[in-house]
């Protein structure tokens, strides 16, 4: 199992100057076993600037993961193709875009291990979108679920994660304007809840006030060390 994990938010809708910011989502996941780029935002220039400003060594990235084919999650892969040609990107369905950018898309339709102690949820469909999410087993704590936009429903994704890997330690990413009932369900299953990207201010406010001990505020430049030891805002 993964002993430690560090999540660095390369871009989120919530700004953190002097880092650049636009509507999108991208997070670098580092562990004691591997390094993975999850989604790649909208604009390649934002990815390039923030990766350099955050002192991210792109040479250490072992693989990438695309939650779904919306531009605010894959647009920045154009830059990644320039600096990491041939990088494997785990995707939910076939598309020629990433290949044209010099990357190596690998379709993962069903739940399976893609890296050590790390599986995908398999493709889940919602709002007309095929999307998959990432589940990482953190030794002694449970699973960490990283989501993109949660079109299939954040509650449904977390329930699937629980069914596949058991106890959920933390959920982070875009919850897609969830209802309070959905957020209650997520909080029931997860020790920490970190709504980001398309979750919306209402979702952030609800979780932070209803479940203050579970809430994590993340934005562009946030660095989250797991198991939880603190949340910091990077100031390049």
C-alpha atoms as a PDB file:
ATOM      1  CA  UNK A   1       0.000   0.000   0.000  1.00  0.00           C
ATOM      2  CA  UNK A   2       0.986   3.615  -0.528  1.00  0.00           C
ATOM      3  CA  UNK A   3       2.577   4.946   2.683  1.00  0.00           C
ATOM      4  CA  UNK A   4       2.324   8.672   1.929  1.00  0.00           C
ATOM      5  CA  UNK A   5       0.865  10.952  -0.691  1.00  0.00           C
ATOM      6  CA  UNK A   6       1.213  14.581  -1.713  1.00  0.00           C
ATOM      7  CA  UNK A   7      -1.368  16.318  -3.892  1.00  0.00           C
ATOM      8  CA  UNK A   8      -0.339  19.574  -5.570  1.00  0.00           C
ATOM      9  CA  UNK A   9      -3.162  21.476  -7.254  1.00  0.00           C
ATOM     10  CA  UNK A  10      -1.720  22.841 -10.492  1.00  0.00           C
ATOM     11  CA  UNK A  11      -4.979  24.567 -11.349  1.00  0.00           C
ATOM     12  CA  UNK A  12      -8.436  24.952  -9.861  1.00  0.00           C
ATOM     13  CA  UNK A  13     -11.184  27.501 -10.485  1.00  0.00           C
ATOM     14  CA  UNK A  14     -10.212  29.264  -7.255  1.00  0.00           C
ATOM     15  CA  UNK A  15      -7.219  31.505  -7.856  1.00  0.00           C
ATOM     16  CA  UNK A  16      -4.061  31.879  -5.778  1.00  0.00           C
ATOM     17  CA  UNK A  17      -1.870  34.687  -7.222  1.00  0.00           C
ATOM     18  CA  UNK A  18       0.780  34.931  -8.502  1.00  0.00           C
ATOM     19  CA  UNK A  19      -0.033  31.524 -10.020  1.00  0.00           C
ATOM     20  CA  UNK A  20      -2.095  31.653 -13.203  1.00  0.00           C
ATOM     21  CA  UNK A  21      -5.666  30.459 -13.066  1.00  0.00           C
ATOM     22  CA  UNK A  22      -8.550  29.572 -15.342  1.00  0.00           C
ATOM     23  CA  UNK A  23     -11.612  27.336 -15.321  1.00  0.00           C
ATOM     24  CA  UNK A  24     -10.220  23.833 -15.068  1.00  0.00           C
ATOM     25  CA  UNK A  25      -8.727  21.135 -12.877  1.00  0.00           C
ATOM     26  CA  UNK A  26      -5.314  19.520 -12.652  1.00  0.00           C
ATOM     27  CA  UNK A  27      -3.506  17.904  -9.736  1.00  0.00           C
ATOM     28  CA  UNK A  28      -0.135  16.204  -9.408  1.00  0.00           C
ATOM     29  CA  UNK A  29      -0.262  13.103  -7.205  1.00  0.00           C
ATOM     30  CA  UNK A  30       3.064  12.015  -5.702  1.00  0.00           C
ATOM     31  CA  UNK A  31       3.497   8.881  -3.596  1.00  0.00           C
ATOM     32  CA  UNK A  32       6.370   6.782  -2.294  1.00  0.00           C
ATOM     33  CA  UNK A  33       5.790   4.456  -5.264  1.00  0.00           C
ATOM     34  CA  UNK A  34       4.872   6.590  -8.287  1.00  0.00           C
ATOM     35  CA  UNK A  35       3.962  10.061  -9.608  1.00  0.00           C
ATOM     36  CA  UNK A  36       0.828  10.704 -11.661  1.00  0.00           C
ATOM     37  CA  UNK A  37      -0.699  13.753 -13.332  1.00  0.00           C
ATOM     38  CA  UNK A  38      -4.478  13.810 -12.928  1.00  0.00           C
ATOM     39  CA  UNK A  39      -6.208  15.882 -15.636  1.00  0.00           C
ATOM     40  CA  UNK A  40      -4.534  18.847 -17.309  1.00  0.00           C
ATOM     41  CA  UNK A  41      -6.720  21.920 -17.106  1.00  0.00           C
ATOM     42  CA  UNK A  42      -7.860  24.038 -20.079  1.00  0.00           C
ATOM     43  CA  UNK A  43      -4.957  26.202 -21.242  1.00  0.00           C
ATOM     44  CA  UNK A  44      -1.486  24.797 -22.021  1.00  0.00           C
ATOM     45  CA  UNK A  45       0.120  28.128 -21.038  1.00  0.00           C
ATOM     46  CA  UNK A  46      -1.414  27.902 -17.543  1.00  0.00           C
ATOM     47  CA  UNK A  47      -0.086  24.366 -17.140  1.00  0.00           C
ATOM     48  CA  UNK A  48       3.375  25.419 -18.296  1.00  0.00           C
ATOM     49  CA  UNK A  49       3.547  28.489 -16.067  1.00  0.00           C
ATOM     50  CA  UNK A  50       2.232  26.806 -12.917  1.00  0.00           C
ATOM     51  CA  UNK A  51       4.308  23.644 -13.321  1.00  0.00           C
ATOM     52  CA  UNK A  52       7.429  25.803 -13.491  1.00  0.00           C
ATOM     53  CA  UNK A  53       6.295  28.158 -10.696  1.00  0.00           C
ATOM     54  CA  UNK A  54       5.545  25.213  -8.405  1.00  0.00           C
ATOM     55  CA  UNK A  55       8.949  23.671  -9.177  1.00  0.00           C
ATOM     56  CA  UNK A  56       7.389  20.451 -10.414  1.00  0.00           C
ATOM     57  CA  UNK A  57       9.898  18.072 -11.990  1.00  0.00           C
ATOM     58  CA  UNK A  58       7.947  16.769 -14.975  1.00  0.00           C
ATOM     59  CA  UNK A  59      10.672  14.197 -15.597  1.00  0.00           C
ATOM     60  CA  UNK A  60       9.448  12.255 -12.566  1.00  0.00           C
ATOM     61  CA  UNK A  61       5.883  11.838 -13.861  1.00  0.00           C
ATOM     62  CA  UNK A  62       5.276   8.127 -14.482  1.00  0.00           C
ATOM     63  CA  UNK A  63       1.819   8.329 -16.049  1.00  0.00           C
ATOM     64  CA  UNK A  64      -1.239  10.536 -16.433  1.00  0.00           C
ATOM     65  CA  UNK A  65      -4.977  10.120 -15.987  1.00  0.00           C
ATOM     66  CA  UNK A  66      -7.815  11.845 -17.833  1.00  0.00           C
ATOM     67  CA  UNK A  67     -11.157  11.712 -16.056  1.00  0.00           C
ATOM     68  CA  UNK A  68     -13.236  12.640 -19.119  1.00  0.00           C
ATOM     69  CA  UNK A  69     -13.037  14.403 -22.464  1.00  0.00           C
ATOM     70  CA  UNK A  70     -14.045  17.941 -21.581  1.00  0.00           C
ATOM     71  CA  UNK A  71     -11.657  20.708 -22.592  1.00  0.00           C
ATOM     72  CA  UNK A  72     -11.225  22.030 -19.039  1.00  0.00           C
ATOM     73  CA  UNK A  73      -9.627  18.690 -18.146  1.00  0.00           C
ATOM     74  CA  UNK A  74      -7.588  17.782 -21.227  1.00  0.00           C
ATOM     75  CA  UNK A  75      -6.635  21.077 -22.937  1.00  0.00           C
ATOM     76  CA  UNK A  76      -3.323  21.364 -21.097  1.00  0.00           C
ATOM     77  CA  UNK A  77      -2.214  17.925 -22.244  1.00  0.00           C
ATOM     78  CA  UNK A  78      -0.989  19.669 -25.400  1.00  0.00           C
ATOM     79  CA  UNK A  79       1.860  21.088 -23.284  1.00  0.00           C
ATOM     80  CA  UNK A  80       2.426  17.757 -21.533  1.00  0.00           C
ATOM     81  CA  UNK A  81       2.864  16.124 -24.946  1.00  0.00           C
ATOM     82  CA  UNK A  82       5.663  18.582 -25.683  1.00  0.00           C
ATOM     83  CA  UNK A  83       7.638  17.817 -22.508  1.00  0.00           C
ATOM     84  CA  UNK A  84       6.713  14.128 -21.960  1.00  0.00           C
ATOM     85  CA  UNK A  85       6.271  12.630 -25.413  1.00  0.00           C
ATOM     86  CA  UNK A  86       4.902   9.096 -25.280  1.00  0.00           C
ATOM     87  CA  UNK A  87       3.558   9.436 -21.725  1.00  0.00           C
ATOM     88  CA  UNK A  88       0.797   6.924 -20.994  1.00  0.00           C
ATOM     89  CA  UNK A  89      -2.539   8.610 -20.245  1.00  0.00           C
ATOM     90  CA  UNK A  90      -5.307   6.407 -18.847  1.00  0.00           C
ATOM     91  CA  UNK A  91      -8.565   7.473 -20.493  1.00  0.00           C
ATOM     92  CA  UNK A  92     -12.215   6.358 -20.254  1.00  0.00           C
ATOM     93  CA  UNK A  93     -12.807   6.041 -23.999  1.00  0.00           C
ATOM     94  CA  UNK A  94     -11.107   6.327 -27.377  1.00  0.00           C
ATOM     95  CA  UNK A  95     -10.235   9.745 -28.793  1.00  0.00           C
ATOM     96  CA  UNK A  96      -7.512  10.817 -31.226  1.00  0.00           C
ATOM     97  CA  UNK A  97      -6.658  14.151 -29.607  1.00  0.00           C
ATOM     98  CA  UNK A  98      -4.056  13.005 -27.086  1.00  0.00           C
ATOM     99  CA  UNK A  99      -2.325  10.823 -29.652  1.00  0.00           C
ATOM    100  CA  UNK A 100      -1.979  13.787 -31.999  1.00  0.00           C
ATOM    101  CA  UNK A 101      -0.283  15.649 -29.158  1.00  0.00           C
ATOM    102  CA  UNK A 102       2.368  12.961 -28.801  1.00  0.00           C
ATOM    103  CA  UNK A 103       0.861  11.104 -25.850  1.00  0.00           C
ATOM    104  CA  UNK A 104      -0.098   7.442 -25.499  1.00  0.00           C
ATOM    105  CA  UNK A 105      -3.767   7.104 -24.473  1.00  0.00           C
ATOM    106  CA  UNK A 106      -4.736   3.769 -22.909  1.00  0.00           C
ATOM    107  CA  UNK A 107      -8.454   3.048 -22.586  1.00  0.00           C
ATOM    108  CA  UNK A 108      -9.593   1.624 -19.237  1.00  0.00           C
ATOM    109  CA  UNK A 109     -13.274   0.686 -19.334  1.00  0.00           C
ATOM    110  CA  UNK A 110     -13.583  -1.479 -16.221  1.00  0.00           C
ATOM    111  CA  UNK A 111     -12.172  -1.184 -12.698  1.00  0.00           C
ATOM    112  CA  UNK A 112      -8.552  -2.361 -12.718  1.00  0.00           C
ATOM    113  CA  UNK A 113      -5.176  -1.583 -11.225  1.00  0.00           C
ATOM    114  CA  UNK A 114      -3.192   0.906 -13.307  1.00  0.00           C
ATOM    115  CA  UNK A 115      -0.410   1.604 -10.805  1.00  0.00           C
ATOM    116  CA  UNK A 116       0.587  -0.151  -7.597  1.00  0.00           C
ATOM    117  CA  UNK A 117      -2.290   0.015  -5.066  1.00  0.00           C
ATOM    118  CA  UNK A 118      -4.219   2.256  -7.455  1.00  0.00           C
ATOM    119  CA  UNK A 119      -7.323   1.410  -9.458  1.00  0.00           C
ATOM    120  CA  UNK A 120      -9.848   3.192 -11.619  1.00  0.00           C
ATOM    121  CA  UNK A 121     -13.548   3.106 -10.859  1.00  0.00           C
ATOM    122  CA  UNK A 122     -14.147   1.967 -14.398  1.00  0.00           C
ATOM    123  CA  UNK A 123     -16.286   4.049 -16.707  1.00  0.00           C
ATOM    124  CA  UNK A 124     -19.394   5.503 -15.092  1.00  0.00           C
ATOM    125  CA  UNK A 125     -21.899   7.416 -17.199  1.00  0.00           C
ATOM    126  CA  UNK A 126     -23.844  10.492 -16.156  1.00  0.00           C
ATOM    127  CA  UNK A 127     -25.229  13.610 -17.858  1.00  0.00           C
ATOM    128  CA  UNK A 128     -24.267  12.076 -21.197  1.00  0.00           C
ATOM    129  CA  UNK A 129     -20.583  11.850 -20.197  1.00  0.00           C
ATOM    130  CA  UNK A 130     -18.345   8.803 -19.814  1.00  0.00           C
ATOM    131  CA  UNK A 131     -16.089   9.434 -16.831  1.00  0.00           C
ATOM    132  CA  UNK A 132     -13.814   7.458 -14.546  1.00  0.00           C
ATOM    133  CA  UNK A 133     -12.149   8.345 -11.257  1.00  0.00           C
ATOM    134  CA  UNK A 134      -9.042   7.247  -9.380  1.00  0.00           C
ATOM    135  CA  UNK A 135      -8.865   5.269  -6.124  1.00  0.00           C
ATOM    136  CA  UNK A 136      -5.580   5.020  -4.206  1.00  0.00           C
ATOM    137  CA  UNK A 137      -5.064   2.804  -1.158  1.00  0.00           C
ATOM    138  CA  UNK A 138      -3.326   4.725   1.643  1.00  0.00           C
ATOM    139  CA  UNK A 139      -1.762   2.328   4.135  1.00  0.00           C
ATOM    140  CA  UNK A 140      -3.650   2.221   7.427  1.00  0.00           C
ATOM    141  CA  UNK A 141      -6.125   4.969   6.519  1.00  0.00           C
ATOM    142  CA  UNK A 142      -8.364   3.829   3.690  1.00  0.00           C
ATOM    143  CA  UNK A 143      -8.722   4.986   0.119  1.00  0.00           C
ATOM    144  CA  UNK A 144      -8.225   8.390  -1.463  1.00  0.00           C
ATOM    145  CA  UNK A 145     -10.647   9.127  -4.297  1.00  0.00           C
ATOM    146  CA  UNK A 146      -9.697  11.768  -6.869  1.00  0.00           C
ATOM    147  CA  UNK A 147     -12.487  12.908  -9.182  1.00  0.00           C
ATOM    148  CA  UNK A 148     -12.737  15.178 -12.201  1.00  0.00           C
ATOM    149  CA  UNK A 149     -16.277  16.532 -12.596  1.00  0.00           C
ATOM    150  CA  UNK A 150     -18.430  13.769 -11.079  1.00  0.00           C
ATOM    151  CA  UNK A 151     -20.994  13.735 -13.876  1.00  0.00           C
ATOM    152  CA  UNK A 152     -22.151  10.271 -12.701  1.00  0.00           C
ATOM    153  CA  UNK A 153     -22.841  11.776  -9.237  1.00  0.00           C
ATOM    154  CA  UNK A 154     -20.221  12.269  -6.548  1.00  0.00           C
ATOM    155  CA  UNK A 155     -22.239  10.086  -4.175  1.00  0.00           C
ATOM    156  CA  UNK A 156     -22.313   7.246  -6.710  1.00  0.00           C
ATOM    157  CA  UNK A 157     -18.557   7.506  -7.295  1.00  0.00           C
ATOM    158  CA  UNK A 158     -17.786   7.398  -3.579  1.00  0.00           C
ATOM    159  CA  UNK A 159     -20.100   4.425  -3.072  1.00  0.00           C
ATOM    160  CA  UNK A 160     -18.332   2.571  -5.861  1.00  0.00           C
ATOM    161  CA  UNK A 161     -14.968   3.439  -4.324  1.00  0.00           C
ATOM    162  CA  UNK A 162     -16.152   2.138  -0.974  1.00  0.00           C
ATOM    163  CA  UNK A 163     -17.364  -1.059  -2.612  1.00  0.00           C
ATOM    164  CA  UNK A 164     -14.031  -1.614  -4.363  1.00  0.00           C
ATOM    165  CA  UNK A 165     -11.537  -0.613  -1.666  1.00  0.00           C
ATOM    166  CA  UNK A 166     -13.444  -0.235   1.615  1.00  0.00           C
ATOM    167  CA  UNK A 167     -13.056   2.734   3.973  1.00  0.00           C
ATOM    168  CA  UNK A 168     -12.665   6.123   2.290  1.00  0.00           C
ATOM    169  CA  UNK A 169     -10.134   8.519   3.794  1.00  0.00           C
ATOM    170  CA  UNK A 170     -10.474  11.532   1.494  1.00  0.00           C
ATOM    171  CA  UNK A 171     -12.371  12.661  -1.601  1.00  0.00           C
ATOM    172  CA  UNK A 172     -11.086  15.576  -3.687  1.00  0.00           C
ATOM    173  CA  UNK A 173     -12.023  17.177  -6.998  1.00  0.00           C
ATOM    174  CA  UNK A 174     -15.014  18.547  -8.856  1.00  0.00           C
ATOM    175  CA  UNK A 175     -18.363  17.485  -7.401  1.00  0.00           C
ATOM    176  CA  UNK A 176     -20.447  19.186 -10.141  1.00  0.00           C
ATOM    177  CA  UNK A 177     -22.831  21.334  -8.111  1.00  0.00           C
ATOM    178  CA  UNK A 178     -23.972  18.537  -5.793  1.00  0.00           C
ATOM    179  CA  UNK A 179     -27.125  18.543  -3.713  1.00  0.00           C
ATOM    180  CA  UNK A 180     -26.930  18.610   0.068  1.00  0.00           C
ATOM    181  CA  UNK A 181     -28.140  15.032   0.101  1.00  0.00           C
ATOM    182  CA  UNK A 182     -25.223  14.010  -2.099  1.00  0.00           C
ATOM    183  CA  UNK A 183     -22.773  15.853   0.145  1.00  0.00           C
ATOM    184  CA  UNK A 184     -24.270  14.189   3.218  1.00  0.00           C
ATOM    185  CA  UNK A 185     -23.710  10.823   1.556  1.00  0.00           C
ATOM    186  CA  UNK A 186     -20.086  11.658   0.745  1.00  0.00           C
ATOM    187  CA  UNK A 187     -19.467  12.855   4.312  1.00  0.00           C
ATOM    188  CA  UNK A 188     -20.989   9.645   5.639  1.00  0.00           C
ATOM    189  CA  UNK A 189     -18.445   7.524   3.781  1.00  0.00           C
ATOM    190  CA  UNK A 190     -15.347   9.746   3.855  1.00  0.00           C
ATOM    191  CA  UNK A 191     -13.135  11.075   6.664  1.00  0.00           C
ATOM    192  CA  UNK A 192     -12.220  14.207   4.667  1.00  0.00           C
ATOM    193  CA  UNK A 193     -14.172  15.996   1.939  1.00  0.00           C
ATOM    194  CA  UNK A 194     -12.431  18.457  -0.399  1.00  0.00           C
ATOM    195  CA  UNK A 195     -14.813  19.981  -2.970  1.00  0.00           C
ATOM    196  CA  UNK A 196     -12.988  21.797  -5.775  1.00  0.00           C
ATOM    197  CA  UNK A 197     -13.340  22.900  -9.411  1.00  0.00           C
ATOM    198  CA  UNK A 198     -17.021  22.675 -10.433  1.00  0.00           C
ATOM    199  CA  UNK A 199     -18.325  21.919  -6.926  1.00  0.00           C
ATOM    200  CA  UNK A 200     -19.419  25.524  -6.392  1.00  0.00           C
ATOM    201  CA  UNK A 201     -19.263  27.907  -3.455  1.00  0.00           C
ATOM    202  CA  UNK A 202     -22.531  26.586  -2.037  1.00  0.00           C
ATOM    203  CA  UNK A 203     -21.083  23.079  -1.748  1.00  0.00           C
ATOM    204  CA  UNK A 204     -17.914  24.408  -0.143  1.00  0.00           C
ATOM    205  CA  UNK A 205     -19.921  26.444   2.339  1.00  0.00           C
ATOM    206  CA  UNK A 206     -22.227  23.549   3.196  1.00  0.00           C
ATOM    207  CA  UNK A 207     -19.425  21.079   3.863  1.00  0.00           C
ATOM    208  CA  UNK A 208     -17.321  23.610   5.791  1.00  0.00           C
ATOM    209  CA  UNK A 209     -20.209  24.549   8.096  1.00  0.00           C
ATOM    210  CA  UNK A 210     -22.014  21.208   8.402  1.00  0.00           C
ATOM    211  CA  UNK A 211     -18.850  19.088   8.590  1.00  0.00           C
ATOM    212  CA  UNK A 212     -16.047  21.448   9.670  1.00  0.00           C
ATOM    213  CA  UNK A 213     -13.855  18.595  10.876  1.00  0.00           C
ATOM    214  CA  UNK A 214     -14.041  16.920   7.483  1.00  0.00           C
ATOM    215  CA  UNK A 215     -13.643  19.938   5.202  1.00  0.00           C
ATOM    216  CA  UNK A 216     -10.469  20.723   3.243  1.00  0.00           C
ATOM    217  CA  UNK A 217     -10.201  23.945   1.256  1.00  0.00           C
ATOM    218  CA  UNK A 218      -8.181  23.466  -1.921  1.00  0.00           C
ATOM    219  CA  UNK A 219      -7.395  25.892  -4.729  1.00  0.00           C
ATOM    220  CA  UNK A 220      -4.695  26.598  -7.298  1.00  0.00           C
ATOM    221  CA  UNK A 221      -1.344  26.000  -5.596  1.00  0.00           C
ATOM    222  CA  UNK A 222      -2.681  24.049  -2.614  1.00  0.00           C
ATOM    223  CA  UNK A 223      -0.459  21.249  -1.350  1.00  0.00           C
ATOM    224  CA  UNK A 224      -2.164  18.504   0.615  1.00  0.00           C
ATOM    225  CA  UNK A 225       0.001  15.983   2.462  1.00  0.00           C
ATOM    226  CA  UNK A 226      -1.576  12.641   3.318  1.00  0.00           C
ATOM    227  CA  UNK A 227      -2.130  11.336   5.871  1.00  0.00           C
ATOM    228  CA  UNK A 228      -3.356  14.774   6.895  1.00  0.00           C
ATOM    229  CA  UNK A 229      -0.575  16.853   8.414  1.00  0.00           C
ATOM    230  CA  UNK A 230      -1.615  20.208   7.045  1.00  0.00           C
ATOM    231  CA  UNK A 231      -2.870  22.162   4.070  1.00  0.00           C
ATOM    232  CA  UNK A 232      -0.687  24.937   2.723  1.00  0.00           C
ATOM    233  CA  UNK A 233      -0.957  27.544   0.005  1.00  0.00           C
ATOM    234  CA  UNK A 234       2.167  27.558  -2.125  1.00  0.00           C
ATOM    235  CA  UNK A 235       3.648  31.022  -2.629  1.00  0.00           C
ATOM    236  CA  UNK A 236       6.134  30.864  -5.500  1.00  0.00           C
END
